[in-house]
Structure formats: C-alpha cells, structure tokens
Amino acid sequence: MESASTTVPSIVVYVTVTNREAGKKLSQSIISEKLAACVNIVPGIESVYWWEGKVQSDAEELLIIKTRESLLDALTEHVKANHEYDVPEVISLPITGGNSKYLEWIKNSTREN
C-alpha cells in the first residue's frame, strides 16, 4: 500500500443476510452511516452450518463490505443492531494490497471512526 497519507489499513467484511430486501436495507444503512465505502450483494449462496444442536441449511445472500480496519467495531455493532439473526456473521479479512486509487477511495468514502 502507499503511504498512510493516501490510504489507511482496510478490510473486507462478510455478512450473510436472509434475502435481497434485508441485504439492500442493511447495505444502505451501512453506506449512509459512512461505515463502508462499498457493499456488494451476492445472491444465491447456500449456507450449511451447526445451530441449536443440528446441521442447518439455508439460502442466503452475502454482503461483501469494503471499509477501514478502524471501523470494524462500529460496523459490527451496526450490523448486530440492524440484523434479524440472533448471531449475525461479521468476519473480516485484511486487504494486503490492490489498486492504490481504490484503496484511497475507501479512505475518502468512509468516516474516520
């Protein structure tokens, strides 16, 4: 990455939602609060997971969220407060490189904290 003056440590965050409507609503609130620069909504995933003592399987949509690393706690709290799941998925992966202009755009499109 370039110097700290043009970019900041950035992450990709995965959040699953029940359907398109829930994904759009949550994505719009995340962007409106400047908690992320961009949210991709990926339809048609199926999640297989352990819940309440048994294997479950559900159709879901995946939100791929690009944001500052420093906003992860605020983003997590926002998702928890606005998500219909008891335990929503919020996991982050570091962005270790990429198009410097895109990384700069993430910085410029999000709030500082």
PDB file of N, CA and C in Angstrom:
ATOM      1  N   MET A   1       0.840  -1.188   0.000  1.00  0.00           N
ATOM      2  CA  MET A   1       0.000   0.000   0.000  1.00  0.00           C
ATOM      3  C   MET A   1       0.878   1.241   0.000  1.00  0.00           C
ATOM      4  N   GLU A   2       0.293   2.337  -0.387  1.00  0.00           N
ATOM      5  CA  GLU A   2       1.008   3.606  -0.391  1.00  0.00           C
ATOM      6  C   GLU A   2       1.116   4.155   1.015  1.00  0.00           C
ATOM      7  N   SER A   3       1.700   5.321   1.144  1.00  0.00           N
ATOM      8  CA  SER A   3       1.899   5.934   2.451  1.00  0.00           C
ATOM      9  C   SER A   3       0.576   6.166   3.168  1.00  0.00           C
ATOM     10  N   ALA A   4       0.667   6.308   4.488  1.00  0.00           N
ATOM     11  CA  ALA A   4      -0.526   6.478   5.319  1.00  0.00           C
ATOM     12  C   ALA A   4      -1.302   7.731   4.949  1.00  0.00           C
ATOM     13  N   SER A   5      -0.688   8.670   4.280  1.00  0.00           N
ATOM     14  CA  SER A   5      -1.391   9.907   3.938  1.00  0.00           C
ATOM     15  C   SER A   5      -2.454   9.702   2.857  1.00  0.00           C
ATOM     16  N   THR A   6      -2.316   8.672   2.022  1.00  0.00           N
ATOM     17  CA  THR A   6      -3.296   8.465   0.958  1.00  0.00           C
ATOM     18  C   THR A   6      -4.204   7.258   1.191  1.00  0.00           C
ATOM     19  N   THR A   7      -3.767   6.290   1.997  1.00  0.00           N
ATOM     20  CA  THR A   7      -4.592   5.118   2.287  1.00  0.00           C
ATOM     21  C   THR A   7      -4.554   4.831   3.781  1.00  0.00           C
ATOM     22  N   VAL A   8      -5.452   3.974   4.215  1.00  0.00           N
ATOM     23  CA  VAL A   8      -5.498   3.521   5.611  1.00  0.00           C
ATOM     24  C   VAL A   8      -5.607   1.999   5.592  1.00  0.00           C
ATOM     25  N   PRO A   9      -5.249   1.331   6.681  1.00  0.00           N
ATOM     26  CA  PRO A   9      -5.466  -0.123   6.721  1.00  0.00           C
ATOM     27  C   PRO A   9      -6.942  -0.426   6.459  1.00  0.00           C
ATOM     28  N   SER A  10      -7.183  -1.294   5.496  1.00  0.00           N
ATOM     29  CA  SER A  10      -8.547  -1.571   5.051  1.00  0.00           C
ATOM     30  C   SER A  10      -8.843  -3.060   5.146  1.00  0.00           C
ATOM     31  N   ILE A  11     -10.136  -3.372   5.193  1.00  0.00           N
ATOM     32  CA  ILE A  11     -10.591  -4.751   5.338  1.00  0.00           C
ATOM     33  C   ILE A  11     -11.776  -5.034   4.435  1.00  0.00           C
ATOM     34  N   VAL A  12     -12.009  -6.309   4.213  1.00  0.00           N
ATOM     35  CA  VAL A  12     -13.227  -6.811   3.596  1.00  0.00           C
ATOM     36  C   VAL A  12     -13.983  -7.535   4.696  1.00  0.00           C
ATOM     37  N   VAL A  13     -15.265  -7.262   4.825  1.00  0.00           N
ATOM     38  CA  VAL A  13     -16.090  -7.876   5.863  1.00  0.00           C
ATOM     39  C   VAL A  13     -17.210  -8.660   5.196  1.00  0.00           C
ATOM     40  N   TYR A  14     -17.411  -9.890   5.648  1.00  0.00           N
ATOM     41  CA  TYR A  14     -18.503 -10.724   5.159  1.00  0.00           C
ATOM     42  C   TYR A  14     -19.643 -10.712   6.167  1.00  0.00           C
ATOM     43  N   VAL A  15     -20.859 -10.506   5.663  1.00  0.00           N
ATOM     44  CA  VAL A  15     -22.082 -10.586   6.455  1.00  0.00           C
ATOM     45  C   VAL A  15     -23.108 -11.326   5.612  1.00  0.00           C
ATOM     46  N   THR A  16     -23.760 -12.337   6.177  1.00  0.00           N
ATOM     47  CA  THR A  16     -24.824 -13.018   5.445  1.00  0.00           C
ATOM     48  C   THR A  16     -26.177 -12.470   5.899  1.00  0.00           C
ATOM     49  N   VAL A  17     -27.133 -12.464   4.974  1.00  0.00           N
ATOM     50  CA  VAL A  17     -28.496 -11.994   5.246  1.00  0.00           C
ATOM     51  C   VAL A  17     -29.488 -12.987   4.641  1.00  0.00           C
ATOM     52  N   THR A  18     -30.728 -12.889   5.078  1.00  0.00           N
ATOM     53  CA  THR A  18     -31.749 -13.853   4.655  1.00  0.00           C
ATOM     54  C   THR A  18     -32.185 -13.704   3.197  1.00  0.00           C
ATOM     55  N   ASN A  19     -32.234 -12.453   2.710  1.00  0.00           N
ATOM     56  CA  ASN A  19     -32.764 -12.241   1.359  1.00  0.00           C
ATOM     57  C   ASN A  19     -32.315 -10.880   0.818  1.00  0.00           C
ATOM     58  N   ARG A  20     -32.686 -10.624  -0.419  1.00  0.00           N
ATOM     59  CA  ARG A  20     -32.289  -9.393  -1.122  1.00  0.00           C
ATOM     60  C   ARG A  20     -32.762  -8.135  -0.392  1.00  0.00           C
ATOM     61  N   GLU A  21     -34.008  -8.136   0.047  1.00  0.00           N
ATOM     62  CA  GLU A  21     -34.563  -6.962   0.725  1.00  0.00           C
ATOM     63  C   GLU A  21     -33.770  -6.641   1.995  1.00  0.00           C
ATOM     64  N   ALA A  22     -33.475  -7.653   2.797  1.00  0.00           N
ATOM     65  CA  ALA A  22     -32.691  -7.448   4.019  1.00  0.00           C
ATOM     66  C   ALA A  22     -31.287  -6.962   3.677  1.00  0.00           C
ATOM     67  N   GLY A  23     -30.714  -7.507   2.620  1.00  0.00           N
ATOM     68  CA  GLY A  23     -29.375  -7.101   2.193  1.00  0.00           C
ATOM     69  C   GLY A  23     -29.315  -5.657   1.728  1.00  0.00           C
ATOM     70  N   LYS A  24     -30.314  -5.244   0.948  1.00  0.00           N
ATOM     71  CA  LYS A  24     -30.343  -3.855   0.469  1.00  0.00           C
ATOM     72  C   LYS A  24     -30.551  -2.887   1.617  1.00  0.00           C
ATOM     73  N   LYS A  25     -31.451  -3.222   2.523  1.00  0.00           N
ATOM     74  CA  LYS A  25     -31.728  -2.339   3.655  1.00  0.00           C
ATOM     75  C   LYS A  25     -30.489  -2.169   4.536  1.00  0.00           C
ATOM     76  N   LEU A  26     -29.832  -3.276   4.863  1.00  0.00           N
ATOM     77  CA  LEU A  26     -28.637  -3.202   5.705  1.00  0.00           C
ATOM     78  C   LEU A  26     -27.499  -2.496   4.973  1.00  0.00           C
ATOM     79  N   SER A  27     -27.314  -2.792   3.709  1.00  0.00           N
ATOM     80  CA  SER A  27     -26.254  -2.157   2.912  1.00  0.00           C
ATOM     81  C   SER A  27     -26.439  -0.645   2.852  1.00  0.00           C
ATOM     82  N   GLN A  28     -27.659  -0.213   2.605  1.00  0.00           N
ATOM     83  CA  GLN A  28     -27.920   1.220   2.507  1.00  0.00           C
ATOM     84  C   GLN A  28     -27.664   1.924   3.833  1.00  0.00           C
ATOM     85  N   SER A  29     -28.021   1.283   4.944  1.00  0.00           N
ATOM     86  CA  SER A  29     -27.770   1.921   6.242  1.00  0.00           C
ATOM     87  C   SER A  29     -26.276   1.977   6.545  1.00  0.00           C
ATOM     88  N   ILE A  30     -25.540   0.958   6.157  1.00  0.00           N
ATOM     89  CA  ILE A  30     -24.081   0.943   6.356  1.00  0.00           C
ATOM     90  C   ILE A  30     -23.430   2.078   5.563  1.00  0.00           C
ATOM     91  N   ILE A  31     -23.832   2.229   4.309  1.00  0.00           N
ATOM     92  CA  ILE A  31     -23.250   3.276   3.458  1.00  0.00           C
ATOM     93  C   ILE A  31     -23.694   4.656   3.946  1.00  0.00           C
ATOM     94  N   SER A  32     -24.951   4.805   4.324  1.00  0.00           N
ATOM     95  CA  SER A  32     -25.448   6.098   4.815  1.00  0.00           C
ATOM     96  C   SER A  32     -24.695   6.571   6.048  1.00  0.00           C
ATOM     97  N   GLU A  33     -24.300   5.633   6.900  1.00  0.00           N
ATOM     98  CA  GLU A  33     -23.548   5.961   8.114  1.00  0.00           C
ATOM     99  C   GLU A  33     -22.046   6.109   7.840  1.00  0.00           C
ATOM    100  N   LYS A  34     -21.646   5.938   6.580  1.00  0.00           N
ATOM    101  CA  LYS A  34     -20.243   6.016   6.156  1.00  0.00           C
ATOM    102  C   LYS A  34     -19.368   5.006   6.897  1.00  0.00           C
ATOM    103  N   LEU A  35     -19.983   3.846   7.201  1.00  0.00           N
ATOM    104  CA  LEU A  35     -19.250   2.754   7.837  1.00  0.00           C
ATOM    105  C   LEU A  35     -18.506   1.900   6.821  1.00  0.00           C
ATOM    106  N   ALA A  36     -18.787   2.127   5.545  1.00  0.00           N
ATOM    107  CA  ALA A  36     -18.106   1.411   4.462  1.00  0.00           C
ATOM    108  C   ALA A  36     -18.167   2.246   3.207  1.00  0.00           C
ATOM    109  N   ALA A  37     -17.250   1.952   2.296  1.00  0.00           N
ATOM    110  CA  ALA A  37     -17.227   2.640   1.005  1.00  0.00           C
ATOM    111  C   ALA A  37     -18.123   1.937  -0.006  1.00  0.00           C
ATOM    112  N   CYS A  38     -18.244   0.611   0.126  1.00  0.00           N
ATOM    113  CA  CYS A  38     -18.978  -0.178  -0.859  1.00  0.00           C
ATOM    114  C   CYS A  38     -19.468  -1.462  -0.220  1.00  0.00           C
ATOM    115  N   VAL A  39     -20.664  -1.890  -0.631  1.00  0.00           N
ATOM    116  CA  VAL A  39     -21.190  -3.188  -0.238  1.00  0.00           C
ATOM    117  C   VAL A  39     -21.666  -3.899  -1.499  1.00  0.00           C
ATOM    118  N   ASN A  40     -21.116  -5.071  -1.767  1.00  0.00           N
ATOM    119  CA  ASN A  40     -21.606  -5.920  -2.853  1.00  0.00           C
ATOM    120  C   ASN A  40     -22.612  -6.892  -2.256  1.00  0.00           C
ATOM    121  N   ILE A  41     -23.715  -7.096  -2.956  1.00  0.00           N
ATOM    122  CA  ILE A  41     -24.724  -8.064  -2.538  1.00  0.00           C
ATOM    123  C   ILE A  41     -24.654  -9.241  -3.504  1.00  0.00           C
ATOM    124  N   VAL A  42     -24.244 -10.394  -2.983  1.00  0.00           N
ATOM    125  CA  VAL A  42     -24.069 -11.587  -3.809  1.00  0.00           C
ATOM    126  C   VAL A  42     -25.242 -12.533  -3.547  1.00  0.00           C
ATOM    127  N   PRO A  43     -26.109 -12.718  -4.545  1.00  0.00           N
ATOM    128  CA  PRO A  43     -27.273 -13.581  -4.348  1.00  0.00           C
ATOM    129  C   PRO A  43     -26.918 -15.057  -4.514  1.00  0.00           C
ATOM    130  N   GLY A  44     -27.851 -15.890  -4.055  1.00  0.00           N
ATOM    131  CA  GLY A  44     -27.804 -17.306  -4.392  1.00  0.00           C
ATOM    132  C   GLY A  44     -26.763 -18.140  -3.681  1.00  0.00           C
ATOM    133  N   ILE A  45     -26.407 -17.808  -2.449  1.00  0.00           N
ATOM    134  CA  ILE A  45     -25.494 -18.691  -1.730  1.00  0.00           C
ATOM    135  C   ILE A  45     -26.318 -19.618  -0.840  1.00  0.00           C
ATOM    136  N   GLU A  46     -25.748 -20.747  -0.508  1.00  0.00           N
ATOM    137  CA  GLU A  46     -26.375 -21.638   0.458  1.00  0.00           C
ATOM    138  C   GLU A  46     -25.394 -21.864   1.584  1.00  0.00           C
ATOM    139  N   SER A  47     -25.863 -21.663   2.791  1.00  0.00           N
ATOM    140  CA  SER A  47     -25.026 -21.845   3.972  1.00  0.00           C
ATOM    141  C   SER A  47     -25.434 -23.130   4.685  1.00  0.00           C
ATOM    142  N   VAL A  48     -24.433 -23.936   5.013  1.00  0.00           N
ATOM    143  CA  VAL A  48     -24.628 -25.148   5.794  1.00  0.00           C
ATOM    144  C   VAL A  48     -23.853 -24.933   7.080  1.00  0.00           C
ATOM    145  N   TYR A  49     -24.523 -25.078   8.229  1.00  0.00           N
ATOM    146  CA  TYR A  49     -23.899 -24.693   9.496  1.00  0.00           C
ATOM    147  C   TYR A  49     -24.508 -25.469  10.658  1.00  0.00           C
ATOM    148  N   TRP A  50     -23.816 -25.463  11.775  1.00  0.00           N
ATOM    149  CA  TRP A  50     -24.277 -26.098  13.007  1.00  0.00           C
ATOM    150  C   TRP A  50     -24.997 -25.064  13.847  1.00  0.00           C
ATOM    151  N   TRP A  51     -26.250 -25.326  14.219  1.00  0.00           N
ATOM    152  CA  TRP A  51     -27.026 -24.379  15.027  1.00  0.00           C
ATOM    153  C   TRP A  51     -28.059 -25.151  15.831  1.00  0.00           C
ATOM    154  N   GLU A  52     -28.151 -24.832  17.108  1.00  0.00           N
ATOM    155  CA  GLU A  52     -29.119 -25.438  18.014  1.00  0.00           C
ATOM    156  C   GLU A  52     -29.079 -26.968  17.972  1.00  0.00           C
ATOM    157  N   GLY A  53     -27.848 -27.500  17.985  1.00  0.00           N
ATOM    158  CA  GLY A  53     -27.652 -28.937  18.112  1.00  0.00           C
ATOM    159  C   GLY A  53     -27.806 -29.768  16.859  1.00  0.00           C
ATOM    160  N   LYS A  54     -27.931 -29.117  15.694  1.00  0.00           N
ATOM    161  CA  LYS A  54     -28.060 -29.906  14.467  1.00  0.00           C
ATOM    162  C   LYS A  54     -27.555 -29.130  13.249  1.00  0.00           C
ATOM    163  N   VAL A  55     -27.365 -29.867  12.176  1.00  0.00           N
ATOM    164  CA  VAL A  55     -26.937 -29.267  10.916  1.00  0.00           C
ATOM    165  C   VAL A  55     -28.124 -28.550  10.285  1.00  0.00           C
ATOM    166  N   GLN A  56     -27.913 -27.310   9.908  1.00  0.00           N
ATOM    167  CA  GLN A  56     -28.932 -26.487   9.249  1.00  0.00           C
ATOM    168  C   GLN A  56     -28.445 -26.138   7.834  1.00  0.00           C
ATOM    169  N   SER A  57     -29.365 -25.793   6.970  1.00  0.00           N
ATOM    170  CA  SER A  57     -29.028 -25.351   5.615  1.00  0.00           C
ATOM    171  C   SER A  57     -30.051 -24.304   5.194  1.00  0.00           C
ATOM    172  N   ASP A  58     -29.548 -23.155   4.740  1.00  0.00           N
ATOM    173  CA  ASP A  58     -30.444 -22.067   4.337  1.00  0.00           C
ATOM    174  C   ASP A  58     -29.909 -21.338   3.120  1.00  0.00           C
ATOM    175  N   ALA A  59     -30.837 -20.878   2.288  1.00  0.00           N
ATOM    176  CA  ALA A  59     -30.494 -19.959   1.199  1.00  0.00           C
ATOM    177  C   ALA A  59     -30.254 -18.588   1.823  1.00  0.00           C
ATOM    178  N   GLU A  60     -29.184 -17.929   1.425  1.00  0.00           N
ATOM    179  CA  GLU A  60     -28.851 -16.612   1.951  1.00  0.00           C
ATOM    180  C   GLU A  60     -28.248 -15.762   0.836  1.00  0.00           C
ATOM    181  N   GLU A  61     -27.977 -14.522   1.186  1.00  0.00           N
ATOM    182  CA  GLU A  61     -27.209 -13.631   0.319  1.00  0.00           C
ATOM    183  C   GLU A  61     -26.012 -13.169   1.129  1.00  0.00           C
ATOM    184  N   LEU A  62     -24.923 -12.876   0.435  1.00  0.00           N
ATOM    185  CA  LEU A  62     -23.678 -12.484   1.082  1.00  0.00           C
ATOM    186  C   LEU A  62     -23.383 -11.021   0.805  1.00  0.00           C
ATOM    187  N   LEU A  63     -23.137 -10.262   1.866  1.00  0.00           N
ATOM    188  CA  LEU A  63     -22.670  -8.887   1.718  1.00  0.00           C
ATOM    189  C   LEU A  63     -21.153  -8.897   1.818  1.00  0.00           C
ATOM    190  N   ILE A  64     -20.506  -8.290   0.842  1.00  0.00           N
ATOM    191  CA  ILE A  64     -19.056  -8.124   0.845  1.00  0.00           C
ATOM    192  C   ILE A  64     -18.814  -6.632   1.023  1.00  0.00           C
ATOM    193  N   ILE A  65     -18.292  -6.278   2.192  1.00  0.00           N
ATOM    194  CA  ILE A  65     -18.205  -4.887   2.622  1.00  0.00           C
ATOM    195  C   ILE A  65     -16.748  -4.446   2.628  1.00  0.00           C
ATOM    196  N   LYS A  66     -16.458  -3.326   1.982  1.00  0.00           N
ATOM    197  CA  LYS A  66     -15.100  -2.764   1.983  1.00  0.00           C
ATOM    198  C   LYS A  66     -15.063  -1.518   2.854  1.00  0.00           C
ATOM    199  N   THR A  67     -14.145  -1.523   3.839  1.00  0.00           N
ATOM    200  CA  THR A  67     -14.105  -0.431   4.798  1.00  0.00           C
ATOM    201  C   THR A  67     -12.723  -0.290   5.424  1.00  0.00           C
ATOM    202  N   ARG A  68     -12.609   0.694   6.307  1.00  0.00           N
ATOM    203  CA  ARG A  68     -11.390   0.886   7.094  1.00  0.00           C
ATOM    204  C   ARG A  68     -11.343  -0.154   8.221  1.00  0.00           C
ATOM    205  N   GLU A  69     -10.163  -0.618   8.531  1.00  0.00           N
ATOM    206  CA  GLU A  69      -9.996  -1.528   9.661  1.00  0.00           C
ATOM    207  C   GLU A  69     -10.475  -0.883  10.962  1.00  0.00           C
ATOM    208  N   SER A  70     -10.258   0.405  11.104  1.00  0.00           N
ATOM    209  CA  SER A  70     -10.636   1.123  12.332  1.00  0.00           C
ATOM    210  C   SER A  70     -12.147   1.197  12.549  1.00  0.00           C
ATOM    211  N   LEU A  71     -12.933   0.892  11.523  1.00  0.00           N
ATOM    212  CA  LEU A  71     -14.393   0.946  11.636  1.00  0.00           C
ATOM    213  C   LEU A  71     -15.028  -0.408  11.939  1.00  0.00           C
ATOM    214  N   LEU A  72     -14.222  -1.449  12.106  1.00  0.00           N
ATOM    215  CA  LEU A  72     -14.783  -2.785  12.306  1.00  0.00           C
ATOM    216  C   LEU A  72     -15.700  -2.861  13.523  1.00  0.00           C
ATOM    217  N   ASP A  73     -15.301  -2.311  14.653  1.00  0.00           N
ATOM    218  CA  ASP A  73     -16.146  -2.384  15.847  1.00  0.00           C
ATOM    219  C   ASP A  73     -17.473  -1.662  15.636  1.00  0.00           C
ATOM    220  N   ALA A  74     -17.431  -0.473  15.064  1.00  0.00           N
ATOM    221  CA  ALA A  74     -18.660   0.289  14.814  1.00  0.00           C
ATOM    222  C   ALA A  74     -19.539  -0.433  13.794  1.00  0.00           C
ATOM    223  N   LEU A  75     -18.930  -1.001  12.761  1.00  0.00           N
ATOM    224  CA  LEU A  75     -19.686  -1.749  11.756  1.00  0.00           C
ATOM    225  C   LEU A  75     -20.334  -2.979  12.384  1.00  0.00           C
ATOM    226  N   THR A  76     -19.594  -3.691  13.211  1.00  0.00           N
ATOM    227  CA  THR A  76     -20.127  -4.879  13.873  1.00  0.00           C
ATOM    228  C   THR A  76     -21.329  -4.520  14.740  1.00  0.00           C
ATOM    229  N   GLU A  77     -21.230  -3.455  15.513  1.00  0.00           N
ATOM    230  CA  GLU A  77     -22.343  -3.027  16.362  1.00  0.00           C
ATOM    231  C   GLU A  77     -23.550  -2.615  15.522  1.00  0.00           C
ATOM    232  N   HIS A  78     -23.307  -1.950  14.394  1.00  0.00           N
ATOM    233  CA  HIS A  78     -24.391  -1.547  13.495  1.00  0.00           C
ATOM    234  C   HIS A  78     -25.103  -2.781  12.938  1.00  0.00           C
ATOM    235  N   VAL A  79     -24.336  -3.767  12.503  1.00  0.00           N
ATOM    236  CA  VAL A  79     -24.941  -4.992  11.969  1.00  0.00           C
ATOM    237  C   VAL A  79     -25.757  -5.690  13.055  1.00  0.00           C
ATOM    238  N   LYS A  80     -25.180  -5.845  14.235  1.00  0.00           N
ATOM    239  CA  LYS A  80     -25.895  -6.514  15.324  1.00  0.00           C
ATOM    240  C   LYS A  80     -27.201  -5.803  15.669  1.00  0.00           C
ATOM    241  N   ALA A  81     -27.213  -4.482  15.624  1.00  0.00           N
ATOM    242  CA  ALA A  81     -28.402  -3.705  15.963  1.00  0.00           C
ATOM    243  C   ALA A  81     -29.460  -3.714  14.854  1.00  0.00           C
ATOM    244  N   ASN A  82     -29.059  -4.029  13.622  1.00  0.00           N
ATOM    245  CA  ASN A  82     -29.976  -3.919  12.483  1.00  0.00           C
ATOM    246  C   ASN A  82     -30.178  -5.222  11.722  1.00  0.00           C
ATOM    247  N   HIS A  83     -29.804  -6.332  12.302  1.00  0.00           N
ATOM    248  CA  HIS A  83     -29.869  -7.640  11.644  1.00  0.00           C
ATOM    249  C   HIS A  83     -30.924  -8.500  12.317  1.00  0.00           C
ATOM    250  N   GLU A  84     -31.587  -9.355  11.547  1.00  0.00           N
ATOM    251  CA  GLU A  84     -32.637 -10.185  12.131  1.00  0.00           C
ATOM    252  C   GLU A  84     -32.120 -11.456  12.799  1.00  0.00           C
ATOM    253  N   TYR A  85     -30.868 -11.822  12.556  1.00  0.00           N
ATOM    254  CA  TYR A  85     -30.316 -13.019  13.206  1.00  0.00           C
ATOM    255  C   TYR A  85     -29.910 -12.713  14.640  1.00  0.00           C
ATOM    256  N   ASP A  86     -30.025 -13.713  15.513  1.00  0.00           N
ATOM    257  CA  ASP A  86     -29.541 -13.581  16.891  1.00  0.00           C
ATOM    258  C   ASP A  86     -28.025 -13.416  16.928  1.00  0.00           C
ATOM    259  N   VAL A  87     -27.346 -14.147  16.050  1.00  0.00           N
ATOM    260  CA  VAL A  87     -25.881 -14.112  15.986  1.00  0.00           C
ATOM    261  C   VAL A  87     -25.472 -13.895  14.525  1.00  0.00           C
ATOM    262  N   PRO A  88     -25.501 -12.645  14.050  1.00  0.00           N
ATOM    263  CA  PRO A  88     -25.150 -12.410  12.649  1.00  0.00           C
ATOM    264  C   PRO A  88     -23.659 -12.642  12.388  1.00  0.00           C
ATOM    265  N   GLU A  89     -23.390 -13.154  11.211  1.00  0.00           N
ATOM    266  CA  GLU A  89     -21.999 -13.329  10.778  1.00  0.00           C
ATOM    267  C   GLU A  89     -21.411 -11.954  10.487  1.00  0.00           C
ATOM    268  N   VAL A  90     -20.295 -11.660  11.131  1.00  0.00           N
ATOM    269  CA  VAL A  90     -19.496 -10.474  10.818  1.00  0.00           C
ATOM    270  C   VAL A  90     -18.048 -10.920  10.959  1.00  0.00           C
ATOM    271  N   ILE A  91     -17.390 -11.184   9.828  1.00  0.00           N
ATOM    272  CA  ILE A  91     -15.989 -11.594   9.867  1.00  0.00           C
ATOM    273  C   ILE A  91     -15.201 -10.715   8.907  1.00  0.00           C
ATOM    274  N   SER A  92     -13.961 -10.416   9.288  1.00  0.00           N
ATOM    275  CA  SER A  92     -13.161  -9.521   8.457  1.00  0.00           C
ATOM    276  C   SER A  92     -11.882 -10.197   7.984  1.00  0.00           C
ATOM    277  N   LEU A  93     -11.458  -9.759   6.821  1.00  0.00           N
ATOM    278  CA  LEU A  93     -10.204 -10.198   6.217  1.00  0.00           C
ATOM    279  C   LEU A  93      -9.404  -8.949   5.853  1.00  0.00           C
ATOM    280  N   PRO A  94      -8.095  -8.952   6.094  1.00  0.00           N
ATOM    281  CA  PRO A  94      -7.306  -7.769   5.756  1.00  0.00           C
ATOM    282  C   PRO A  94      -7.133  -7.623   4.248  1.00  0.00           C
ATOM    283  N   ILE A  95      -7.102  -6.396   3.794  1.00  0.00           N
ATOM    284  CA  ILE A  95      -6.728  -6.097   2.413  1.00  0.00           C
ATOM    285  C   ILE A  95      -5.228  -5.807   2.453  1.00  0.00           C
ATOM    286  N   THR A  96      -4.439  -6.661   1.834  1.00  0.00           N
ATOM    287  CA  THR A  96      -2.987  -6.529   1.919  1.00  0.00           C
ATOM    288  C   THR A  96      -2.372  -5.819   0.722  1.00  0.00           C
ATOM    289  N   GLY A  97      -3.189  -5.484  -0.257  1.00  0.00           N
ATOM    290  CA  GLY A  97      -2.699  -4.776  -1.430  1.00  0.00           C
ATOM    291  C   GLY A  97      -3.825  -4.588  -2.420  1.00  0.00           C
ATOM    292  N   GLY A  98      -3.514  -3.926  -3.518  1.00  0.00           N
ATOM    293  CA  GLY A  98      -4.525  -3.708  -4.549  1.00  0.00           C
ATOM    294  C   GLY A  98      -4.296  -2.391  -5.259  1.00  0.00           C
ATOM    295  N   ASN A  99      -5.297  -1.979  -5.994  1.00  0.00           N
ATOM    296  CA  ASN A  99      -5.259  -0.729  -6.735  1.00  0.00           C
ATOM    297  C   ASN A  99      -5.186   0.421  -5.729  1.00  0.00           C
ATOM    298  N   SER A 100      -4.095   1.154  -5.722  1.00  0.00           N
ATOM    299  CA  SER A 100      -3.906   2.220  -4.732  1.00  0.00           C
ATOM    300  C   SER A 100      -4.991   3.293  -4.826  1.00  0.00           C
ATOM    301  N   LYS A 101      -5.485   3.568  -6.027  1.00  0.00           N
ATOM    302  CA  LYS A 101      -6.566   4.552  -6.172  1.00  0.00           C
ATOM    303  C   LYS A 101      -7.857   4.044  -5.526  1.00  0.00           C
ATOM    304  N   TYR A 102      -8.137   2.738  -5.615  1.00  0.00           N
ATOM    305  CA  TYR A 102      -9.317   2.161  -4.979  1.00  0.00           C
ATOM    306  C   TYR A 102      -9.165   2.213  -3.458  1.00  0.00           C
ATOM    307  N   LEU A 103      -7.990   1.882  -2.965  1.00  0.00           N
ATOM    308  CA  LEU A 103      -7.744   1.928  -1.520  1.00  0.00           C
ATOM    309  C   LEU A 103      -7.853   3.354  -0.989  1.00  0.00           C
ATOM    310  N   GLU A 104      -7.410   4.305  -1.768  1.00  0.00           N
ATOM    311  CA  GLU A 104      -7.561   5.715  -1.401  1.00  0.00           C
ATOM    312  C   GLU A 104      -9.049   6.099  -1.380  1.00  0.00           C
ATOM    313  N   TRP A 105      -9.804   5.580  -2.350  1.00  0.00           N
ATOM    314  CA  TRP A 105     -11.247   5.839  -2.403  1.00  0.00           C
ATOM    315  C   TRP A 105     -11.946   5.285  -1.158  1.00  0.00           C
ATOM    316  N   ILE A 106     -11.550   4.096  -0.684  1.00  0.00           N
ATOM    317  CA  ILE A 106     -12.114   3.551   0.555  1.00  0.00           C
ATOM    318  C   ILE A 106     -11.892   4.545   1.690  1.00  0.00           C
ATOM    319  N   LYS A 107     -10.685   5.056   1.805  1.00  0.00           N
ATOM    320  CA  LYS A 107     -10.371   6.032   2.860  1.00  0.00           C
ATOM    321  C   LYS A 107     -11.255   7.268   2.740  1.00  0.00           C
ATOM    322  N   ASN A 108     -11.358   7.804   1.544  1.00  0.00           N
ATOM    323  CA  ASN A 108     -12.079   9.049   1.321  1.00  0.00           C
ATOM    324  C   ASN A 108     -13.601   8.915   1.389  1.00  0.00           C
ATOM    325  N   SER A 109     -14.102   7.673   1.311  1.00  0.00           N
ATOM    326  CA  SER A 109     -15.548   7.450   1.282  1.00  0.00           C
ATOM    327  C   SER A 109     -16.109   6.991   2.632  1.00  0.00           C
ATOM    328  N   THR A 110     -15.250   6.915   3.638  1.00  0.00           N
ATOM    329  CA  THR A 110     -15.675   6.440   4.957  1.00  0.00           C
ATOM    330  C   THR A 110     -15.328   7.464   6.020  1.00  0.00           C
ATOM    331  N   ARG A 111     -16.035   7.353   7.146  1.00  0.00           N
ATOM    332  CA  ARG A 111     -15.722   8.235   8.254  1.00  0.00           C
ATOM    333  C   ARG A 111     -14.450   7.752   8.960  1.00  0.00           C
ATOM    334  N   GLU A 112     -13.876   8.628   9.774  1.00  0.00           N
ATOM    335  CA  GLU A 112     -12.622   8.272  10.437  1.00  0.00           C
ATOM    336  C   GLU A 112     -12.824   7.271  11.564  1.00  0.00           C
ATOM    337  N   ASN A 113     -13.868   7.414  12.353  1.00  0.00           N
ATOM    338  CA  ASN A 113     -14.136   6.474  13.456  1.00  0.00           C
ATOM    339  C   ASN A 113     -15.619   6.326  13.706  1.00  0.00           C
TER     340      ASN A 113
END
